[in-house]
């Protein structure tokens, strides 16, 4: 398995958008294609099987969208993408990494805990998913 950092480029945006529609058929995100986001793609035998995004801010690095194609889930790919983005934040000299999950997303919660993230705050919504915000100091 090979993870490629595709940086801030539009070259691979259509590929990421196609994978996103497979991973999240009932959702759409405006993040894909925005210039300020970094993107990673995971390949298995030259076939793209997952992607992840992140954005750098002045004082922290924000992990966003992760998609793993359904047939490849359960193989540690999301955890690997979390670790890759945390490592990248270190290369930028950014020592605080932040992300969020739905309280119902047990797989993401487990992977974040394994990497060392801790709950920073909760957001309780009256109309849907409640969210957990996570922080890691690196």
N, C-alpha and C. Protein backbone atom coordinates (compact mmCIF):
# COMPACT_ATOMS: atom_id res chain seq x y z
N UNK A 1 0.84 -1.16 0.00
CA UNK A 1 0.00 0.00 0.00
C UNK A 1 0.89 1.24 0.00
N UNK A 2 0.52 2.22 -0.80
CA UNK A 2 1.32 3.43 -0.92
C UNK A 2 0.41 4.64 -0.70
N UNK A 3 0.85 5.58 0.15
CA UNK A 3 0.12 6.81 0.36
C UNK A 3 0.87 7.93 -0.34
N UNK A 4 0.16 8.67 -1.18
CA UNK A 4 0.77 9.79 -1.88
C UNK A 4 0.14 11.08 -1.41
N UNK A 5 1.00 12.01 -1.02
CA UNK A 5 0.55 13.35 -0.68
C UNK A 5 0.40 14.06 -2.01
N UNK A 6 -0.79 14.54 -2.33
CA UNK A 6 -0.99 15.20 -3.62
C UNK A 6 -1.01 16.71 -3.51
N UNK A 7 -0.70 17.20 -2.32
CA UNK A 7 -0.51 18.62 -2.05
C UNK A 7 -1.74 19.41 -2.39
N UNK A 8 -1.55 20.69 -2.70
CA UNK A 8 -2.66 21.58 -3.01
C UNK A 8 -2.77 21.68 -4.53
N UNK A 9 -3.33 20.67 -5.13
CA UNK A 9 -3.37 20.62 -6.58
C UNK A 9 -4.76 20.23 -7.05
N UNK A 10 -5.10 20.66 -8.23
CA UNK A 10 -6.38 20.27 -8.82
C UNK A 10 -6.23 19.02 -9.68
N UNK A 11 -5.02 18.55 -9.84
CA UNK A 11 -4.74 17.40 -10.69
C UNK A 11 -5.55 16.17 -10.30
N UNK A 12 -5.70 15.93 -9.01
CA UNK A 12 -6.37 14.72 -8.53
C UNK A 12 -7.75 14.98 -7.93
N UNK A 13 -8.26 16.19 -8.08
CA UNK A 13 -9.53 16.54 -7.44
C UNK A 13 -10.68 15.70 -7.98
N UNK A 14 -10.75 15.48 -9.28
CA UNK A 14 -11.86 14.69 -9.83
C UNK A 14 -11.81 13.25 -9.31
N UNK A 15 -10.63 12.71 -9.12
CA UNK A 15 -10.49 11.36 -8.55
C UNK A 15 -11.00 11.33 -7.11
N UNK A 16 -10.63 12.33 -6.33
CA UNK A 16 -11.09 12.40 -4.94
C UNK A 16 -12.60 12.58 -4.90
N UNK A 17 -13.15 13.39 -5.77
CA UNK A 17 -14.60 13.59 -5.82
C UNK A 17 -15.33 12.29 -6.17
N UNK A 18 -14.79 11.52 -7.09
CA UNK A 18 -15.41 10.22 -7.45
C UNK A 18 -15.39 9.26 -6.27
N UNK A 19 -14.25 9.19 -5.57
CA UNK A 19 -14.17 8.31 -4.40
C UNK A 19 -15.11 8.78 -3.30
N UNK A 20 -15.23 10.09 -3.14
CA UNK A 20 -16.10 10.64 -2.11
C UNK A 20 -17.56 10.23 -2.35
N UNK A 21 -17.98 10.24 -3.60
CA UNK A 21 -19.37 9.84 -3.91
C UNK A 21 -19.62 8.37 -3.62
N UNK A 22 -18.60 7.54 -3.76
CA UNK A 22 -18.72 6.12 -3.42
C UNK A 22 -18.73 5.94 -1.90
N UNK A 23 -17.84 6.64 -1.22
CA UNK A 23 -17.72 6.50 0.24
C UNK A 23 -18.90 7.11 0.98
N UNK A 24 -19.42 8.20 0.46
CA UNK A 24 -20.50 8.93 1.12
C UNK A 24 -21.60 9.25 0.11
N UNK A 25 -22.35 8.25 -0.34
CA UNK A 25 -23.32 8.47 -1.42
C UNK A 25 -24.44 9.45 -1.05
N UNK A 26 -24.72 9.62 0.23
CA UNK A 26 -25.82 10.51 0.65
C UNK A 26 -25.34 11.87 1.12
N UNK A 27 -24.06 12.15 0.97
CA UNK A 27 -23.49 13.42 1.44
C UNK A 27 -22.73 14.09 0.30
N UNK A 28 -22.57 15.38 0.44
CA UNK A 28 -21.72 16.12 -0.48
C UNK A 28 -20.92 17.12 0.33
N UNK A 29 -19.65 17.27 0.02
CA UNK A 29 -18.82 18.21 0.76
C UNK A 29 -18.28 19.29 -0.17
N UNK A 30 -18.33 20.52 0.25
CA UNK A 30 -17.76 21.60 -0.55
C UNK A 30 -16.25 21.73 -0.39
N UNK A 31 -15.65 20.92 0.49
CA UNK A 31 -14.21 21.05 0.78
C UNK A 31 -13.33 20.59 -0.37
N UNK A 32 -13.76 19.54 -1.06
CA UNK A 32 -12.92 18.98 -2.12
C UNK A 32 -12.84 19.98 -3.26
N UNK A 33 -11.63 20.34 -3.60
CA UNK A 33 -11.41 21.30 -4.67
C UNK A 33 -11.01 22.68 -4.17
N UNK A 34 -11.12 22.90 -2.88
CA UNK A 34 -10.69 24.20 -2.33
C UNK A 34 -9.18 24.23 -2.25
N UNK A 35 -8.62 25.31 -2.68
CA UNK A 35 -7.18 25.47 -2.81
C UNK A 35 -6.42 25.36 -1.49
N UNK A 36 -7.02 25.73 -0.39
CA UNK A 36 -6.30 25.76 0.88
C UNK A 36 -6.18 24.40 1.56
N UNK A 37 -6.75 23.36 0.98
CA UNK A 37 -6.70 22.03 1.58
C UNK A 37 -5.58 21.18 0.98
N UNK A 38 -4.97 20.37 1.83
CA UNK A 38 -4.00 19.37 1.40
C UNK A 38 -4.76 18.05 1.25
N UNK A 39 -4.34 17.21 0.31
CA UNK A 39 -5.02 15.91 0.10
C UNK A 39 -4.01 14.79 0.00
N UNK A 40 -4.39 13.64 0.50
CA UNK A 40 -3.61 12.41 0.43
C UNK A 40 -4.47 11.37 -0.28
N UNK A 41 -3.84 10.51 -1.08
CA UNK A 41 -4.54 9.40 -1.72
C UNK A 41 -3.76 8.13 -1.41
N UNK A 42 -4.48 7.08 -1.04
CA UNK A 42 -3.86 5.77 -0.78
C UNK A 42 -4.11 4.90 -2.00
N UNK A 43 -3.04 4.27 -2.48
CA UNK A 43 -3.11 3.37 -3.62
C UNK A 43 -2.74 1.96 -3.20
N UNK A 44 -3.43 0.99 -3.74
CA UNK A 44 -3.08 -0.41 -3.58
C UNK A 44 -2.91 -0.97 -4.98
N UNK A 45 -1.70 -1.39 -5.31
CA UNK A 45 -1.40 -1.85 -6.67
C UNK A 45 -1.83 -0.83 -7.72
N UNK A 46 -1.51 0.43 -7.46
CA UNK A 46 -1.79 1.56 -8.35
C UNK A 46 -3.26 1.90 -8.49
N UNK A 47 -4.12 1.29 -7.66
CA UNK A 47 -5.56 1.58 -7.66
C UNK A 47 -5.87 2.45 -6.45
N UNK A 48 -6.49 3.62 -6.66
CA UNK A 48 -6.83 4.48 -5.52
C UNK A 48 -7.93 3.84 -4.68
N UNK A 49 -7.70 3.78 -3.36
CA UNK A 49 -8.67 3.12 -2.49
C UNK A 49 -9.13 3.99 -1.32
N UNK A 50 -8.46 5.14 -1.09
CA UNK A 50 -8.83 6.01 0.02
C UNK A 50 -8.22 7.39 -0.18
N UNK A 51 -8.76 8.34 0.55
CA UNK A 51 -8.26 9.71 0.49
C UNK A 51 -8.51 10.39 1.84
N UNK A 52 -7.81 11.48 2.06
CA UNK A 52 -8.02 12.27 3.28
C UNK A 52 -7.57 13.70 3.02
N UNK A 53 -8.17 14.63 3.75
CA UNK A 53 -7.83 16.03 3.59
C UNK A 53 -7.41 16.66 4.91
N UNK A 54 -6.79 17.82 4.81
CA UNK A 54 -6.40 18.59 5.98
C UNK A 54 -6.15 20.03 5.54
N UNK A 55 -6.20 20.91 6.52
CA UNK A 55 -5.95 22.32 6.24
C UNK A 55 -5.08 22.89 7.35
N UNK A 56 -4.10 23.70 6.96
CA UNK A 56 -3.26 24.34 7.96
C UNK A 56 -3.77 25.74 8.26
N UNK A 57 -3.77 26.04 9.52
CA UNK A 57 -4.09 27.37 10.00
C UNK A 57 -2.85 27.90 10.69
N UNK A 58 -2.86 29.12 11.15
CA UNK A 58 -1.66 29.69 11.76
C UNK A 58 -1.18 28.91 12.97
N UNK A 59 -2.11 28.48 13.83
CA UNK A 59 -1.68 27.84 15.07
C UNK A 59 -2.07 26.37 15.19
N UNK A 60 -2.78 25.83 14.22
CA UNK A 60 -3.15 24.42 14.30
C UNK A 60 -3.37 23.83 12.92
N UNK A 61 -3.42 22.50 12.88
CA UNK A 61 -3.63 21.73 11.65
C UNK A 61 -4.96 21.01 11.82
N UNK A 62 -5.87 21.18 10.87
CA UNK A 62 -7.22 20.62 10.98
C UNK A 62 -7.39 19.44 10.04
N UNK A 63 -7.67 18.26 10.61
CA UNK A 63 -7.91 17.07 9.81
C UNK A 63 -9.38 17.05 9.40
N UNK A 64 -9.62 16.84 8.13
CA UNK A 64 -10.99 16.81 7.64
C UNK A 64 -11.27 15.50 6.91
N UNK A 65 -12.16 15.49 6.06
CA UNK A 65 -12.72 14.35 5.33
C UNK A 65 -11.74 13.20 5.10
N UNK A 66 -12.20 11.99 5.45
CA UNK A 66 -11.49 10.75 5.14
C UNK A 66 -12.49 9.82 4.48
N UNK A 67 -12.10 9.24 3.37
CA UNK A 67 -12.96 8.25 2.72
C UNK A 67 -12.16 7.02 2.35
N UNK A 68 -12.65 5.87 2.75
CA UNK A 68 -12.05 4.59 2.39
C UNK A 68 -13.11 3.82 1.61
N UNK A 69 -12.77 3.36 0.43
CA UNK A 69 -13.75 2.61 -0.36
C UNK A 69 -14.26 1.42 0.45
N UNK A 70 -15.57 1.14 0.36
CA UNK A 70 -16.18 0.13 1.24
C UNK A 70 -15.46 -1.21 1.31
N UNK A 71 -14.99 -1.71 0.19
CA UNK A 71 -14.36 -3.04 0.19
C UNK A 71 -12.99 -3.07 0.85
N UNK A 72 -12.44 -1.88 1.22
CA UNK A 72 -11.12 -1.83 1.86
C UNK A 72 -11.20 -1.39 3.32
N UNK A 73 -12.39 -1.18 3.82
CA UNK A 73 -12.55 -0.75 5.21
C UNK A 73 -12.18 -1.88 6.17
N UNK A 74 -11.73 -1.50 7.35
CA UNK A 74 -11.37 -2.49 8.37
C UNK A 74 -9.93 -2.97 8.26
N UNK A 75 -9.12 -2.29 7.47
CA UNK A 75 -7.72 -2.68 7.28
C UNK A 75 -6.73 -1.67 7.83
N UNK A 76 -7.20 -0.73 8.65
CA UNK A 76 -6.30 0.24 9.27
C UNK A 76 -5.94 1.42 8.39
N UNK A 77 -6.64 1.61 7.29
CA UNK A 77 -6.28 2.67 6.35
C UNK A 77 -6.60 4.05 6.93
N UNK A 78 -7.75 4.18 7.59
CA UNK A 78 -8.08 5.47 8.19
C UNK A 78 -7.04 5.85 9.25
N UNK A 79 -6.65 4.91 10.07
CA UNK A 79 -5.63 5.17 11.09
C UNK A 79 -4.31 5.59 10.44
N UNK A 80 -3.94 4.93 9.35
CA UNK A 80 -2.72 5.28 8.63
C UNK A 80 -2.81 6.71 8.08
N UNK A 81 -3.99 7.10 7.58
CA UNK A 81 -4.15 8.45 7.05
C UNK A 81 -4.13 9.50 8.16
N UNK A 82 -4.65 9.17 9.31
CA UNK A 82 -4.56 10.09 10.45
C UNK A 82 -3.09 10.30 10.79
N UNK A 83 -2.34 9.21 10.91
CA UNK A 83 -0.92 9.29 11.26
C UNK A 83 -0.13 10.07 10.20
N UNK A 84 -0.42 9.85 8.93
CA UNK A 84 0.29 10.57 7.85
C UNK A 84 0.07 12.06 7.94
N UNK A 85 -1.15 12.46 8.25
CA UNK A 85 -1.44 13.89 8.34
C UNK A 85 -0.84 14.51 9.60
N UNK A 86 -0.83 13.76 10.69
CA UNK A 86 -0.17 14.25 11.91
C UNK A 86 1.33 14.43 11.64
N UNK A 87 1.94 13.47 10.98
CA UNK A 87 3.37 13.59 10.64
C UNK A 87 3.62 14.81 9.75
N UNK A 88 2.73 15.06 8.82
CA UNK A 88 2.88 16.21 7.93
C UNK A 88 2.79 17.51 8.74
N UNK A 89 1.88 17.56 9.71
CA UNK A 89 1.76 18.77 10.54
C UNK A 89 3.08 19.05 11.26
N UNK A 90 3.75 17.99 11.69
CA UNK A 90 5.06 18.16 12.35
C UNK A 90 6.07 18.79 11.40
N UNK A 91 6.03 18.39 10.13
CA UNK A 91 6.97 18.94 9.15
C UNK A 91 6.72 20.42 8.90
N UNK A 92 5.50 20.89 9.20
CA UNK A 92 5.17 22.31 9.06
C UNK A 92 5.44 23.07 10.36
N UNK A 93 5.93 22.36 11.36
CA UNK A 93 6.17 22.93 12.69
C UNK A 93 4.88 23.37 13.37
N UNK A 94 3.79 22.71 13.04
CA UNK A 94 2.51 22.96 13.70
C UNK A 94 2.33 21.86 14.73
N UNK A 95 2.18 22.25 15.98
CA UNK A 95 2.18 21.28 17.08
C UNK A 95 0.80 20.96 17.64
N UNK A 96 -0.25 21.53 17.07
CA UNK A 96 -1.60 21.24 17.54
C UNK A 96 -2.43 20.75 16.35
N UNK A 97 -3.02 19.56 16.50
CA UNK A 97 -3.85 18.97 15.44
C UNK A 97 -5.26 18.83 16.00
N UNK A 98 -6.23 19.28 15.22
CA UNK A 98 -7.62 19.27 15.65
C UNK A 98 -8.47 18.57 14.59
N UNK A 99 -9.52 17.89 15.05
CA UNK A 99 -10.50 17.29 14.14
C UNK A 99 -11.81 17.12 14.90
N UNK A 100 -12.81 16.60 14.22
CA UNK A 100 -14.07 16.31 14.89
C UNK A 100 -14.69 15.04 14.32
N UNK A 101 -15.58 14.44 15.10
CA UNK A 101 -16.32 13.25 14.66
C UNK A 101 -17.73 13.33 15.19
N UNK A 102 -18.59 12.58 14.56
CA UNK A 102 -19.91 12.36 15.12
C UNK A 102 -19.73 11.47 16.36
N UNK A 103 -20.56 11.66 17.38
CA UNK A 103 -20.49 10.81 18.57
C UNK A 103 -20.82 9.35 18.23
N UNK A 104 -21.47 9.14 17.09
CA UNK A 104 -21.88 7.78 16.68
C UNK A 104 -20.81 7.07 15.85
N UNK A 105 -19.75 7.76 15.48
CA UNK A 105 -18.74 7.19 14.58
C UNK A 105 -17.67 6.45 15.40
N UNK A 106 -18.01 5.25 15.84
CA UNK A 106 -17.12 4.50 16.73
C UNK A 106 -15.78 4.14 16.09
N UNK A 107 -15.75 3.92 14.78
CA UNK A 107 -14.49 3.57 14.12
C UNK A 107 -13.51 4.75 14.16
N UNK A 108 -14.01 5.94 13.82
CA UNK A 108 -13.13 7.12 13.86
C UNK A 108 -12.70 7.43 15.29
N UNK A 109 -13.61 7.31 16.22
CA UNK A 109 -13.29 7.57 17.63
C UNK A 109 -12.17 6.63 18.09
N UNK A 110 -12.29 5.37 17.77
CA UNK A 110 -11.27 4.39 18.15
C UNK A 110 -9.92 4.73 17.54
N UNK A 111 -9.90 5.08 16.24
CA UNK A 111 -8.64 5.40 15.57
C UNK A 111 -8.00 6.66 16.14
N UNK A 112 -8.80 7.66 16.43
CA UNK A 112 -8.25 8.88 17.01
C UNK A 112 -7.63 8.61 18.38
N UNK A 113 -8.30 7.81 19.19
CA UNK A 113 -7.76 7.47 20.51
C UNK A 113 -6.45 6.69 20.38
N UNK A 114 -6.38 5.78 19.41
CA UNK A 114 -5.16 4.99 19.21
C UNK A 114 -3.96 5.86 18.85
N UNK A 115 -4.21 6.94 18.12
CA UNK A 115 -3.14 7.85 17.72
C UNK A 115 -2.74 8.77 18.89
N UNK A 116 -3.66 8.97 19.84
CA UNK A 116 -3.35 9.80 21.00
C UNK A 116 -4.22 11.04 21.14
N UNK A 117 -5.22 11.20 20.29
CA UNK A 117 -6.11 12.35 20.40
C UNK A 117 -6.96 12.24 21.66
N UNK A 118 -7.30 13.40 22.20
CA UNK A 118 -8.19 13.47 23.36
C UNK A 118 -9.35 14.39 23.04
N UNK A 119 -10.50 14.11 23.66
CA UNK A 119 -11.67 14.96 23.44
C UNK A 119 -11.39 16.34 24.01
N UNK A 120 -11.66 17.34 23.20
CA UNK A 120 -11.41 18.72 23.57
C UNK A 120 -12.71 19.39 23.99
N UNK A 121 -13.79 19.13 23.22
CA UNK A 121 -15.10 19.65 23.61
C UNK A 121 -16.19 18.88 22.86
N UNK A 122 -17.41 19.04 23.33
CA UNK A 122 -18.58 18.40 22.72
C UNK A 122 -19.50 19.47 22.18
N UNK A 123 -20.19 19.12 21.09
CA UNK A 123 -21.22 20.00 20.56
C UNK A 123 -22.51 19.19 20.49
N UNK A 124 -23.49 19.62 21.25
CA UNK A 124 -24.76 18.91 21.28
C UNK A 124 -25.75 19.68 20.43
N UNK A 125 -26.28 18.99 19.42
CA UNK A 125 -27.22 19.61 18.50
C UNK A 125 -28.62 19.05 18.75
N UNK A 126 -29.60 19.86 18.60
CA UNK A 126 -30.98 19.42 18.81
C UNK A 126 -31.60 18.79 17.58
N UNK A 127 -30.89 18.83 16.46
CA UNK A 127 -31.50 18.39 15.21
C UNK A 127 -30.76 17.26 14.50
N UNK A 128 -29.81 16.64 15.13
CA UNK A 128 -29.08 15.57 14.46
C UNK A 128 -27.92 15.08 15.29
N UNK A 129 -26.86 14.67 14.59
CA UNK A 129 -25.67 14.14 15.24
C UNK A 129 -25.06 15.13 16.23
N UNK A 130 -24.63 14.62 17.35
CA UNK A 130 -23.80 15.40 18.27
C UNK A 130 -22.35 15.16 17.87
N UNK A 131 -21.49 16.14 18.10
CA UNK A 131 -20.11 16.05 17.65
C UNK A 131 -19.13 16.09 18.82
N UNK A 132 -18.01 15.41 18.62
CA UNK A 132 -16.87 15.46 19.52
C UNK A 132 -15.73 16.15 18.79
N UNK A 133 -15.12 17.10 19.44
CA UNK A 133 -13.95 17.76 18.88
C UNK A 133 -12.72 17.21 19.58
N UNK A 134 -11.70 16.89 18.79
CA UNK A 134 -10.51 16.20 19.29
C UNK A 134 -9.29 17.06 19.09
N UNK A 135 -8.31 16.90 19.99
CA UNK A 135 -7.07 17.64 19.91
C UNK A 135 -5.90 16.72 20.22
N UNK A 136 -4.81 16.95 19.50
CA UNK A 136 -3.56 16.23 19.74
C UNK A 136 -2.43 17.24 19.73
N UNK A 137 -1.61 17.23 20.76
CA UNK A 137 -0.42 18.06 20.79
C UNK A 137 0.76 17.20 20.39
N UNK A 138 1.50 17.63 19.36
CA UNK A 138 2.59 16.82 18.83
C UNK A 138 3.93 17.48 19.03
